[in-house]
Structures are given as C-alpha cells and as structure tokens.
PDB file of N, CA and C in Angstrom:
ATOM      1  N   UNK A   1     -26.469  31.425  14.022  1.00  0.00           N
ATOM      2  CA  UNK A   1     -25.711  31.145  12.816  1.00  0.00           C
ATOM      3  C   UNK A   1     -24.283  30.706  13.154  1.00  0.00           C
ATOM      4  N   UNK A   2     -23.642  31.396  14.102  1.00  0.00           N
ATOM      5  CA  UNK A   2     -22.278  31.040  14.487  1.00  0.00           C
ATOM      6  C   UNK A   2     -22.228  29.638  15.076  1.00  0.00           C
ATOM      7  N   UNK A   3     -23.268  29.300  15.841  1.00  0.00           N
ATOM      8  CA  UNK A   3     -23.313  27.977  16.456  1.00  0.00           C
ATOM      9  C   UNK A   3     -23.400  26.892  15.378  1.00  0.00           C
ATOM     10  N   UNK A   4     -24.204  27.132  14.341  1.00  0.00           N
ATOM     11  CA  UNK A   4     -24.344  26.169  13.246  1.00  0.00           C
ATOM     12  C   UNK A   4     -23.015  25.973  12.508  1.00  0.00           C
ATOM     13  N   UNK A   5     -22.343  27.076  12.232  1.00  0.00           N
ATOM     14  CA  UNK A   5     -21.051  26.989  11.556  1.00  0.00           C
ATOM     15  C   UNK A   5     -20.034  26.243  12.418  1.00  0.00           C
ATOM     16  N   UNK A   6     -20.047  26.511  13.710  1.00  0.00           N
ATOM     17  CA  UNK A   6     -19.138  25.826  14.615  1.00  0.00           C
ATOM     18  C   UNK A   6     -19.408  24.324  14.617  1.00  0.00           C
ATOM     19  N   UNK A   7     -20.658  23.930  14.661  1.00  0.00           N
ATOM     20  CA  UNK A   7     -21.023  22.513  14.660  1.00  0.00           C
ATOM     21  C   UNK A   7     -20.571  21.850  13.356  1.00  0.00           C
ATOM     22  N   UNK A   8     -20.788  22.511  12.240  1.00  0.00           N
ATOM     23  CA  UNK A   8     -20.376  21.968  10.941  1.00  0.00           C
ATOM     24  C   UNK A   8     -18.846  21.840  10.893  1.00  0.00           C
ATOM     25  N   UNK A   9     -18.166  22.869  11.377  1.00  0.00           N
ATOM     26  CA  UNK A   9     -16.702  22.837  11.409  1.00  0.00           C
ATOM     27  C   UNK A   9     -16.205  21.675  12.258  1.00  0.00           C
ATOM     28  N   UNK A  10     -16.761  21.466  13.420  1.00  0.00           N
ATOM     29  CA  UNK A  10     -16.341  20.386  14.304  1.00  0.00           C
ATOM     30  C   UNK A  10     -16.612  19.016  13.678  1.00  0.00           C
ATOM     31  N   UNK A  11     -17.725  18.877  12.979  1.00  0.00           N
ATOM     32  CA  UNK A  11     -18.022  17.615  12.293  1.00  0.00           C
ATOM     33  C   UNK A  11     -16.981  17.341  11.207  1.00  0.00           C
ATOM     34  N   UNK A  12     -16.609  18.371  10.489  1.00  0.00           N
ATOM     35  CA  UNK A  12     -15.595  18.226   9.446  1.00  0.00           C
ATOM     36  C   UNK A  12     -14.256  17.811  10.050  1.00  0.00           C
ATOM     37  N   UNK A  13     -13.855  18.456  11.123  1.00  0.00           N
ATOM     38  CA  UNK A  13     -12.597  18.111  11.790  1.00  0.00           C
ATOM     39  C   UNK A  13     -12.642  16.669  12.279  1.00  0.00           C
ATOM     40  N   UNK A  14     -13.747  16.267  12.876  1.00  0.00           N
ATOM     41  CA  UNK A  14     -13.898  14.890  13.361  1.00  0.00           C
ATOM     42  C   UNK A  14     -13.753  13.896  12.214  1.00  0.00           C
ATOM     43  N   UNK A  15     -14.406  14.174  11.081  1.00  0.00           N
ATOM     44  CA  UNK A  15     -14.322  13.281   9.918  1.00  0.00           C
ATOM     45  C   UNK A  15     -12.881  13.168   9.414  1.00  0.00           C
ATOM     46  N   UNK A  16     -12.158  14.280   9.393  1.00  0.00           N
ATOM     47  CA  UNK A  16     -10.769  14.243   8.936  1.00  0.00           C
ATOM     48  C   UNK A  16      -9.899  13.415   9.876  1.00  0.00           C
ATOM     49  N   UNK A  17     -10.118  13.549  11.163  1.00  0.00           N
ATOM     50  CA  UNK A  17      -9.348  12.777  12.140  1.00  0.00           C
ATOM     51  C   UNK A  17      -9.641  11.294  11.986  1.00  0.00           C
ATOM     52  N   UNK A  18     -10.905  10.940  11.866  1.00  0.00           N
ATOM     53  CA  UNK A  18     -11.298   9.539  11.724  1.00  0.00           C
ATOM     54  C   UNK A  18     -10.744   8.956  10.432  1.00  0.00           C
ATOM     55  N   UNK A  19     -10.827   9.711   9.348  1.00  0.00           N
ATOM     56  CA  UNK A  19     -10.318   9.242   8.061  1.00  0.00           C
ATOM     57  C   UNK A  19      -8.815   9.015   8.127  1.00  0.00           C
ATOM     58  N   UNK A  20      -8.097   9.932   8.731  1.00  0.00           N
ATOM     59  CA  UNK A  20      -6.648   9.792   8.829  1.00  0.00           C
ATOM     60  C   UNK A  20      -6.268   8.585   9.685  1.00  0.00           C
ATOM     61  N   UNK A  21      -7.030   8.314  10.697  1.00  0.00           N
ATOM     62  CA  UNK A  21      -6.711   7.219  11.606  1.00  0.00           C
ATOM     63  C   UNK A  21      -6.987   5.856  10.988  1.00  0.00           C
ATOM     64  N   UNK A  22      -7.648   5.815   9.866  1.00  0.00           N
ATOM     65  CA  UNK A  22      -8.016   4.548   9.262  1.00  0.00           C
ATOM     66  C   UNK A  22      -7.070   4.133   8.144  1.00  0.00           C
ATOM     67  N   UNK A  23      -5.811   4.464   8.288  1.00  0.00           N
ATOM     68  CA  UNK A  23      -4.802   4.024   7.327  1.00  0.00           C
ATOM     69  C   UNK A  23      -3.634   3.405   8.080  1.00  0.00           C
ATOM     70  N   UNK A  24      -2.849   2.638   7.354  1.00  0.00           N
ATOM     71  CA  UNK A  24      -1.622   2.098   7.934  1.00  0.00           C
ATOM     72  C   UNK A  24      -0.567   2.025   6.841  1.00  0.00           C
ATOM     73  N   UNK A  25       0.674   2.018   7.255  1.00  0.00           N
ATOM     74  CA  UNK A  25       1.787   1.964   6.311  1.00  0.00           C
ATOM     75  C   UNK A  25       2.363   0.556   6.284  1.00  0.00           C
ATOM     76  N   UNK A  26       2.553   0.072   5.076  1.00  0.00           N
ATOM     77  CA  UNK A  26       3.162  -1.244   4.870  1.00  0.00           C
ATOM     78  C   UNK A  26       4.473  -1.031   4.136  1.00  0.00           C
ATOM     79  N   UNK A  27       5.503  -1.740   4.576  1.00  0.00           N
ATOM     80  CA  UNK A  27       6.807  -1.675   3.926  1.00  0.00           C
ATOM     81  C   UNK A  27       7.237  -3.089   3.558  1.00  0.00           C
ATOM     82  N   UNK A  28       8.254  -3.180   2.730  1.00  0.00           N
ATOM     83  CA  UNK A  28       8.758  -4.496   2.369  1.00  0.00           C
ATOM     84  C   UNK A  28       9.801  -4.420   1.279  1.00  0.00           C
ATOM     85  N   UNK A  29      10.232  -5.599   0.850  1.00  0.00           N
ATOM     86  CA  UNK A  29      11.237  -5.732  -0.193  1.00  0.00           C
ATOM     87  C   UNK A  29      10.743  -6.737  -1.223  1.00  0.00           C
ATOM     88  N   UNK A  30      11.036  -6.457  -2.484  1.00  0.00           N
ATOM     89  CA  UNK A  30      10.682  -7.376  -3.567  1.00  0.00           C
ATOM     90  C   UNK A  30      11.974  -7.919  -4.158  1.00  0.00           C
ATOM     91  N   UNK A  31      12.046  -9.249  -4.245  1.00  0.00           N
ATOM     92  CA  UNK A  31      13.259  -9.874  -4.776  1.00  0.00           C
ATOM     93  C   UNK A  31      12.909 -10.871  -5.882  1.00  0.00           C
ATOM     94  N   UNK A  32      13.932 -11.262  -6.630  1.00  0.00           N
ATOM     95  CA  UNK A  32      13.796 -12.189  -7.751  1.00  0.00           C
ATOM     96  C   UNK A  32      13.936 -13.620  -7.232  1.00  0.00           C
ATOM     97  N   UNK A  33      13.098 -14.514  -7.725  1.00  0.00           N
ATOM     98  CA  UNK A  33      13.095 -15.900  -7.233  1.00  0.00           C
ATOM     99  C   UNK A  33      14.352 -16.677  -7.617  1.00  0.00           C
ATOM    100  N   UNK A  34      14.983 -16.312  -8.725  1.00  0.00           N
ATOM    101  CA  UNK A  34      16.120 -17.102  -9.206  1.00  0.00           C
ATOM    102  C   UNK A  34      17.435 -16.781  -8.504  1.00  0.00           C
ATOM    103  N   UNK A  35      17.656 -15.508  -8.205  1.00  0.00           N
ATOM    104  CA  UNK A  35      18.944 -15.142  -7.611  1.00  0.00           C
ATOM    105  C   UNK A  35      18.819 -14.375  -6.294  1.00  0.00           C
ATOM    106  N   UNK A  36      17.593 -14.041  -5.892  1.00  0.00           N
ATOM    107  CA  UNK A  36      17.379 -13.334  -4.636  1.00  0.00           C
ATOM    108  C   UNK A  36      17.712 -11.852  -4.675  1.00  0.00           C
ATOM    109  N   UNK A  37      18.111 -11.362  -5.848  1.00  0.00           N
ATOM    110  CA  UNK A  37      18.435  -9.945  -5.974  1.00  0.00           C
ATOM    111  C   UNK A  37      17.175  -9.087  -5.889  1.00  0.00           C
ATOM    112  N   UNK A  38      17.306  -7.856  -5.403  1.00  0.00           N
ATOM    113  CA  UNK A  38      16.151  -6.958  -5.351  1.00  0.00           C
ATOM    114  C   UNK A  38      15.705  -6.592  -6.761  1.00  0.00           C
ATOM    115  N   UNK A  39      14.417  -6.340  -6.919  1.00  0.00           N
ATOM    116  CA  UNK A  39      13.862  -5.958  -8.215  1.00  0.00           C
ATOM    117  C   UNK A  39      13.418  -4.493  -8.134  1.00  0.00           C
ATOM    118  N   UNK A  40      14.012  -3.678  -8.981  1.00  0.00           N
ATOM    119  CA  UNK A  40      13.717  -2.246  -9.040  1.00  0.00           C
ATOM    120  C   UNK A  40      12.553  -1.990  -9.989  1.00  0.00           C
ATOM    121  N   UNK A  41      11.668  -1.071  -9.623  1.00  0.00           N
ATOM    122  CA  UNK A  41      10.591  -0.657 -10.518  1.00  0.00           C
ATOM    123  C   UNK A  41       9.347  -1.513 -10.490  1.00  0.00           C
ATOM    124  N   UNK A  42       9.202  -2.354  -9.477  1.00  0.00           N
ATOM    125  CA  UNK A  42       8.000  -3.178  -9.340  1.00  0.00           C
ATOM    126  C   UNK A  42       6.849  -2.286  -8.870  1.00  0.00           C
ATOM    127  N   UNK A  43       5.698  -2.415  -9.503  1.00  0.00           N
ATOM    128  CA  UNK A  43       4.519  -1.681  -9.062  1.00  0.00           C
ATOM    129  C   UNK A  43       3.858  -2.450  -7.927  1.00  0.00           C
ATOM    130  N   UNK A  44       3.642  -1.753  -6.816  1.00  0.00           N
ATOM    131  CA  UNK A  44       2.950  -2.317  -5.664  1.00  0.00           C
ATOM    132  C   UNK A  44       1.635  -1.566  -5.542  1.00  0.00           C
ATOM    133  N   UNK A  45       0.524  -2.293  -5.686  1.00  0.00           N
ATOM    134  CA  UNK A  45      -0.798  -1.663  -5.754  1.00  0.00           C
ATOM    135  C   UNK A  45      -1.759  -2.300  -4.762  1.00  0.00           C
ATOM    136  N   UNK A  46      -2.606  -1.464  -4.170  1.00  0.00           N
ATOM    137  CA  UNK A  46      -3.675  -1.970  -3.320  1.00  0.00           C
ATOM    138  C   UNK A  46      -4.786  -2.433  -4.260  1.00  0.00           C
ATOM    139  N   UNK A  47      -5.108  -3.713  -4.218  1.00  0.00           N
ATOM    140  CA  UNK A  47      -6.111  -4.286  -5.112  1.00  0.00           C
ATOM    141  C   UNK A  47      -7.441  -3.545  -4.994  1.00  0.00           C
ATOM    142  N   UNK A  48      -8.015  -3.212  -6.146  1.00  0.00           N
ATOM    143  CA  UNK A  48      -9.318  -2.555  -6.188  1.00  0.00           C
ATOM    144  C   UNK A  48      -9.274  -1.058  -5.974  1.00  0.00           C
ATOM    145  N   UNK A  49      -8.069  -0.468  -5.933  1.00  0.00           N
ATOM    146  CA  UNK A  49      -7.934   0.978  -5.751  1.00  0.00           C
ATOM    147  C   UNK A  49      -6.944   1.521  -6.772  1.00  0.00           C
ATOM    148  N   UNK A  50      -6.710   2.828  -6.695  1.00  0.00           N
ATOM    149  CA  UNK A  50      -5.681   3.446  -7.526  1.00  0.00           C
ATOM    150  C   UNK A  50      -4.443   3.774  -6.692  1.00  0.00           C
ATOM    151  N   UNK A  51      -4.371   3.252  -5.483  1.00  0.00           N
ATOM    152  CA  UNK A  51      -3.240   3.506  -4.592  1.00  0.00           C
ATOM    153  C   UNK A  51      -2.096   2.585  -4.996  1.00  0.00           C
ATOM    154  N   UNK A  52      -0.942   3.185  -5.309  1.00  0.00           N
ATOM    155  CA  UNK A  52       0.201   2.366  -5.715  1.00  0.00           C
ATOM    156  C   UNK A  52       1.506   3.098  -5.443  1.00  0.00           C
ATOM    157  N   UNK A  53       2.580   2.349  -5.536  1.00  0.00           N
ATOM    158  CA  UNK A  53       3.925   2.886  -5.420  1.00  0.00           C
ATOM    159  C   UNK A  53       4.841   1.994  -6.249  1.00  0.00           C
ATOM    160  N   UNK A  54       6.127   2.335  -6.287  1.00  0.00           N
ATOM    161  CA  UNK A  54       7.106   1.576  -7.067  1.00  0.00           C
ATOM    162  C   UNK A  54       8.314   1.296  -6.175  1.00  0.00           C
ATOM    163  N   UNK A  55       8.909   0.112  -6.329  1.00  0.00           N
ATOM    164  CA  UNK A  55      10.095  -0.216  -5.532  1.00  0.00           C
ATOM    165  C   UNK A  55      11.290   0.633  -5.965  1.00  0.00           C
ATOM    166  N   UNK A  56      12.167   0.914  -4.996  1.00  0.00           N
ATOM    167  CA  UNK A  56      13.368   1.705  -5.274  1.00  0.00           C
ATOM    168  C   UNK A  56      14.502   0.818  -5.798  1.00  0.00           C
ATOM    169  N   UNK A  57      15.709   1.377  -5.890  1.00  0.00           N
ATOM    170  CA  UNK A  57      16.850   0.638  -6.451  1.00  0.00           C
ATOM    171  C   UNK A  57      17.270  -0.556  -5.610  1.00  0.00           C
ATOM    172  N   UNK A  58      16.806  -0.623  -4.360  1.00  0.00           N
ATOM    173  CA  UNK A  58      17.109  -1.760  -3.488  1.00  0.00           C
ATOM    174  C   UNK A  58      15.928  -2.721  -3.347  1.00  0.00           C
ATOM    175  N   UNK A  59      14.876  -2.508  -4.163  1.00  0.00           N
ATOM    176  CA  UNK A  59      13.695  -3.362  -4.103  1.00  0.00           C
ATOM    177  C   UNK A  59      12.767  -3.056  -2.947  1.00  0.00           C
ATOM    178  N   UNK A  60      13.012  -1.957  -2.241  1.00  0.00           N
ATOM    179  CA  UNK A  60      12.186  -1.581  -1.094  1.00  0.00           C
ATOM    180  C   UNK A  60      10.999  -0.725  -1.508  1.00  0.00           C
ATOM    181  N   UNK A  61       9.938  -0.809  -0.738  1.00  0.00           N
ATOM    182  CA  UNK A  61       8.769   0.033  -0.975  1.00  0.00           C
ATOM    183  C   UNK A  61       8.131   0.390   0.362  1.00  0.00           C
ATOM    184  N   UNK A  62       7.315   1.422   0.328  1.00  0.00           N
ATOM    185  CA  UNK A  62       6.498   1.832   1.466  1.00  0.00           C
ATOM    186  C   UNK A  62       5.201   2.370   0.877  1.00  0.00           C
ATOM    187  N   UNK A  63       4.085   1.905   1.405  1.00  0.00           N
ATOM    188  CA  UNK A  63       2.791   2.323   0.876  1.00  0.00           C
ATOM    189  C   UNK A  63       1.810   2.492   2.033  1.00  0.00           C
ATOM    190  N   UNK A  64       1.028   3.560   1.988  1.00  0.00           N
ATOM    191  CA  UNK A  64      -0.009   3.806   2.990  1.00  0.00           C
ATOM    192  C   UNK A  64      -1.319   3.293   2.425  1.00  0.00           C
ATOM    193  N   UNK A  65      -1.951   2.386   3.163  1.00  0.00           N
ATOM    194  CA  UNK A  65      -3.169   1.736   2.679  1.00  0.00           C
ATOM    195  C   UNK A  65      -4.329   2.018   3.629  1.00  0.00           C
ATOM    196  N   UNK A  66      -5.555   2.039   3.095  1.00  0.00           N
ATOM    197  CA  UNK A  66      -6.716   2.174   3.967  1.00  0.00           C
ATOM    198  C   UNK A  66      -6.913   0.901   4.791  1.00  0.00           C
ATOM    199  N   UNK A  67      -7.535   1.020   5.945  1.00  0.00           N
ATOM    200  CA  UNK A  67      -7.757  -0.128   6.833  1.00  0.00           C
ATOM    201  C   UNK A  67      -8.549  -1.253   6.150  1.00  0.00           C
ATOM    202  N   UNK A  68      -9.401  -0.893   5.193  1.00  0.00           N
ATOM    203  CA  UNK A  68     -10.234  -1.906   4.540  1.00  0.00           C
ATOM    204  C   UNK A  68      -9.474  -2.685   3.467  1.00  0.00           C
ATOM    205  N   UNK A  69      -8.253  -2.266   3.142  1.00  0.00           N
ATOM    206  CA  UNK A  69      -7.469  -2.939   2.099  1.00  0.00           C
ATOM    207  C   UNK A  69      -7.171  -4.379   2.509  1.00  0.00           C
ATOM    208  N   UNK A  70      -7.277  -5.300   1.561  1.00  0.00           N
ATOM    209  CA  UNK A  70      -7.097  -6.719   1.855  1.00  0.00           C
ATOM    210  C   UNK A  70      -5.926  -7.365   1.122  1.00  0.00           C
ATOM    211  N   UNK A  71      -5.576  -6.849  -0.081  1.00  0.00           N
ATOM    212  CA  UNK A  71      -4.564  -7.520  -0.911  1.00  0.00           C
ATOM    213  C   UNK A  71      -3.648  -6.489  -1.571  1.00  0.00           C
ATOM    214  N   UNK A  72      -2.340  -6.807  -1.589  1.00  0.00           N
ATOM    215  CA  UNK A  72      -1.378  -6.032  -2.367  1.00  0.00           C
ATOM    216  C   UNK A  72      -1.027  -6.828  -3.619  1.00  0.00           C
ATOM    217  N   UNK A  73      -0.932  -6.131  -4.746  1.00  0.00           N
ATOM    218  CA  UNK A  73      -0.535  -6.739  -6.015  1.00  0.00           C
ATOM    219  C   UNK A  73       0.861  -6.247  -6.381  1.00  0.00           C
ATOM    220  N   UNK A  74       1.730  -7.177  -6.740  1.00  0.00           N
ATOM    221  CA  UNK A  74       3.088  -6.843  -7.160  1.00  0.00           C
ATOM    222  C   UNK A  74       3.203  -7.210  -8.636  1.00  0.00           C
ATOM    223  N   UNK A  75       3.446  -6.212  -9.498  1.00  0.00           N
ATOM    224  CA  UNK A  75       3.502  -6.468 -10.938  1.00  0.00           C
ATOM    225  C   UNK A  75       4.770  -5.876 -11.535  1.00  0.00           C
ATOM    226  N   UNK A  76       5.314  -6.616 -12.513  1.00  0.00           N
ATOM    227  CA  UNK A  76       6.506  -6.173 -13.218  1.00  0.00           C
ATOM    228  C   UNK A  76       6.521  -6.885 -14.564  1.00  0.00           C
ATOM    229  N   UNK A  77       6.882  -6.180 -15.614  1.00  0.00           N
ATOM    230  CA  UNK A  77       6.915  -6.748 -16.954  1.00  0.00           C
ATOM    231  C   UNK A  77       7.836  -7.970 -16.998  1.00  0.00           C
ATOM    232  N   UNK A  78       7.305  -9.068 -17.540  1.00  0.00           N
ATOM    233  CA  UNK A  78       8.077 -10.296 -17.678  1.00  0.00           C
ATOM    234  C   UNK A  78       8.062 -11.178 -16.439  1.00  0.00           C
ATOM    235  N   UNK A  79       7.326 -10.745 -15.407  1.00  0.00           N
ATOM    236  CA  UNK A  79       7.244 -11.517 -14.170  1.00  0.00           C
ATOM    237  C   UNK A  79       5.777 -11.840 -13.875  1.00  0.00           C
ATOM    238  N   UNK A  80       5.554 -12.922 -13.149  1.00  0.00           N
ATOM    239  CA  UNK A  80       4.199 -13.275 -12.733  1.00  0.00           C
ATOM    240  C   UNK A  80       3.728 -12.298 -11.656  1.00  0.00           C
ATOM    241  N   UNK A  81       2.462 -11.908 -11.747  1.00  0.00           N
ATOM    242  CA  UNK A  81       1.879 -11.038 -10.723  1.00  0.00           C
ATOM    243  C   UNK A  81       1.733 -11.822  -9.425  1.00  0.00           C
ATOM    244  N   UNK A  82       2.098 -11.190  -8.328  1.00  0.00           N
ATOM    245  CA  UNK A  82       1.995 -11.815  -7.012  1.00  0.00           C
ATOM    246  C   UNK A  82       0.933 -11.074  -6.209  1.00  0.00           C
ATOM    247  N   UNK A  83       0.038 -11.829  -5.590  1.00  0.00           N
ATOM    248  CA  UNK A  83      -0.976 -11.273  -4.703  1.00  0.00           C
ATOM    249  C   UNK A  83      -0.644 -11.689  -3.276  1.00  0.00           C
ATOM    250  N   UNK A  84      -0.504 -10.702  -2.390  1.00  0.00           N
ATOM    251  CA  UNK A  84      -0.197 -10.989  -0.991  1.00  0.00           C
ATOM    252  C   UNK A  84      -1.307 -10.420  -0.106  1.00  0.00           C
ATOM    253  N   UNK A  85      -1.896 -11.247   0.748  1.00  0.00           N
ATOM    254  CA  UNK A  85      -2.907 -10.736   1.680  1.00  0.00           C
ATOM    255  C   UNK A  85      -2.253  -9.799   2.696  1.00  0.00           C
ATOM    256  N   UNK A  86      -2.966  -8.737   3.055  1.00  0.00           N
ATOM    257  CA  UNK A  86      -2.425  -7.747   3.985  1.00  0.00           C
ATOM    258  C   UNK A  86      -2.629  -8.179   5.431  1.00  0.00           C
ATOM    259  N   UNK A  87      -3.830  -8.559   5.775  1.00  0.00           N
ATOM    260  CA  UNK A  87      -4.117  -8.957   7.154  1.00  0.00           C
ATOM    261  C   UNK A  87      -3.677  -7.901   8.142  1.00  0.00           C
ATOM    262  N   UNK A  88      -3.003  -8.315   9.198  1.00  0.00           N
ATOM    263  CA  UNK A  88      -2.497  -7.397  10.220  1.00  0.00           C
ATOM    264  C   UNK A  88      -1.019  -7.064  10.009  1.00  0.00           C
ATOM    265  N   UNK A  89      -0.454  -7.482   8.887  1.00  0.00           N
ATOM    266  CA  UNK A  89       0.967  -7.303   8.633  1.00  0.00           C
ATOM    267  C   UNK A  89       1.316  -5.847   8.349  1.00  0.00           C
ATOM    268  N   UNK A  90       2.489  -5.432   8.793  1.00  0.00           N
ATOM    269  CA  UNK A  90       3.003  -4.105   8.453  1.00  0.00           C
ATOM    270  C   UNK A  90       4.259  -4.231   7.583  1.00  0.00           C
ATOM    271  N   UNK A  91       4.799  -5.450   7.483  1.00  0.00           N
ATOM    272  CA  UNK A  91       5.919  -5.732   6.583  1.00  0.00           C
ATOM    273  C   UNK A  91       5.524  -6.906   5.707  1.00  0.00           C
ATOM    274  N   UNK A  92       5.549  -6.682   4.393  1.00  0.00           N
ATOM    275  CA  UNK A  92       5.203  -7.741   3.440  1.00  0.00           C
ATOM    276  C   UNK A  92       6.278  -7.772   2.358  1.00  0.00           C
ATOM    277  N   UNK A  93       7.028  -8.869   2.331  1.00  0.00           N
ATOM    278  CA  UNK A  93       8.047  -9.072   1.299  1.00  0.00           C
ATOM    279  C   UNK A  93       7.446  -9.955   0.201  1.00  0.00           C
ATOM    280  N   UNK A  94       7.896  -9.746  -1.029  1.00  0.00           N
ATOM    281  CA  UNK A  94       7.389 -10.541  -2.145  1.00  0.00           C
ATOM    282  C   UNK A  94       8.551 -11.086  -2.962  1.00  0.00           C
ATOM    283  N   UNK A  95       8.341 -12.252  -3.546  1.00  0.00           N
ATOM    284  CA  UNK A  95       9.328 -12.869  -4.435  1.00  0.00           C
ATOM    285  C   UNK A  95       8.648 -13.055  -5.790  1.00  0.00           C
ATOM    286  N   UNK A  96       9.246 -12.457  -6.813  1.00  0.00           N
ATOM    287  CA  UNK A  96       8.686 -12.536  -8.171  1.00  0.00           C
ATOM    288  C   UNK A  96       9.390 -13.615  -8.979  1.00  0.00           C
ATOM    289  N   UNK A  97       8.579 -14.348  -9.767  1.00  0.00           N
ATOM    290  CA  UNK A  97       9.089 -15.390 -10.646  1.00  0.00           C
ATOM    291  C   UNK A  97       8.926 -14.946 -12.106  1.00  0.00           C
ATOM    292  N   UNK A  98       9.823 -15.390 -12.975  1.00  0.00           N
ATOM    293  CA  UNK A  98       9.659 -15.084 -14.401  1.00  0.00           C
ATOM    294  C   UNK A  98       8.355 -15.657 -14.933  1.00  0.00           C
ATOM    295  N   UNK A  99       7.774 -14.955 -15.888  1.00  0.00           N
ATOM    296  CA  UNK A  99       6.512 -15.403 -16.477  1.00  0.00           C
ATOM    297  C   UNK A  99       6.786 -16.297 -17.662  1.00  0.00           C
TER     298      UNK A  99
END
C-alpha cells in the first residue's frame, strides 16, 4: 500500500513540474498610434483562454502564458483590437489605433 501511494505521489509531483515548465512570461508596452503615449488599462488576453492582465500607468504589462498559446489580444474601449502572434517572443509591444 505504501509503495502504491508513493508511486501516485511521485506521478503527481512529476505532472506539477511538467505543467509549471510549460509556461513563459511575456512583457511589453502598449502605446497610442497618434502620439506614442502609453495606454493605461488595456486588457491583454491570451486568445482562446481566460488568461489576461491589464497595462499599468506606464502602459507596461507582464503575462504568463502556456507554451501552446499563439496569439495575444490587446483591447481597449474606443480602440481597435490588436492581435499579435506570440511565436518565440518574450517581449511584445503593441500600438493601438482609434476605432
């Protein structure tokens, strides 16, 4: 019985390690197309998931995404939504245009 519990425990630990290793952090800045100023409060979302964050007062963001993530969506009221491919990038800046 102890051996079975140990095996199950080790499998669980292995799964947690593998799951944790399959993420990466992306950072960047969101600015306005007309004046280049940072845009505060932009929602940055991993397309097809519920993973999101919001830009700070300097237009900066940081988001941890799963390895399978392909696209970041940048949305803000009154601005066009921007889709940026993730690829191998760890820094992705976006420029928003008025809608």
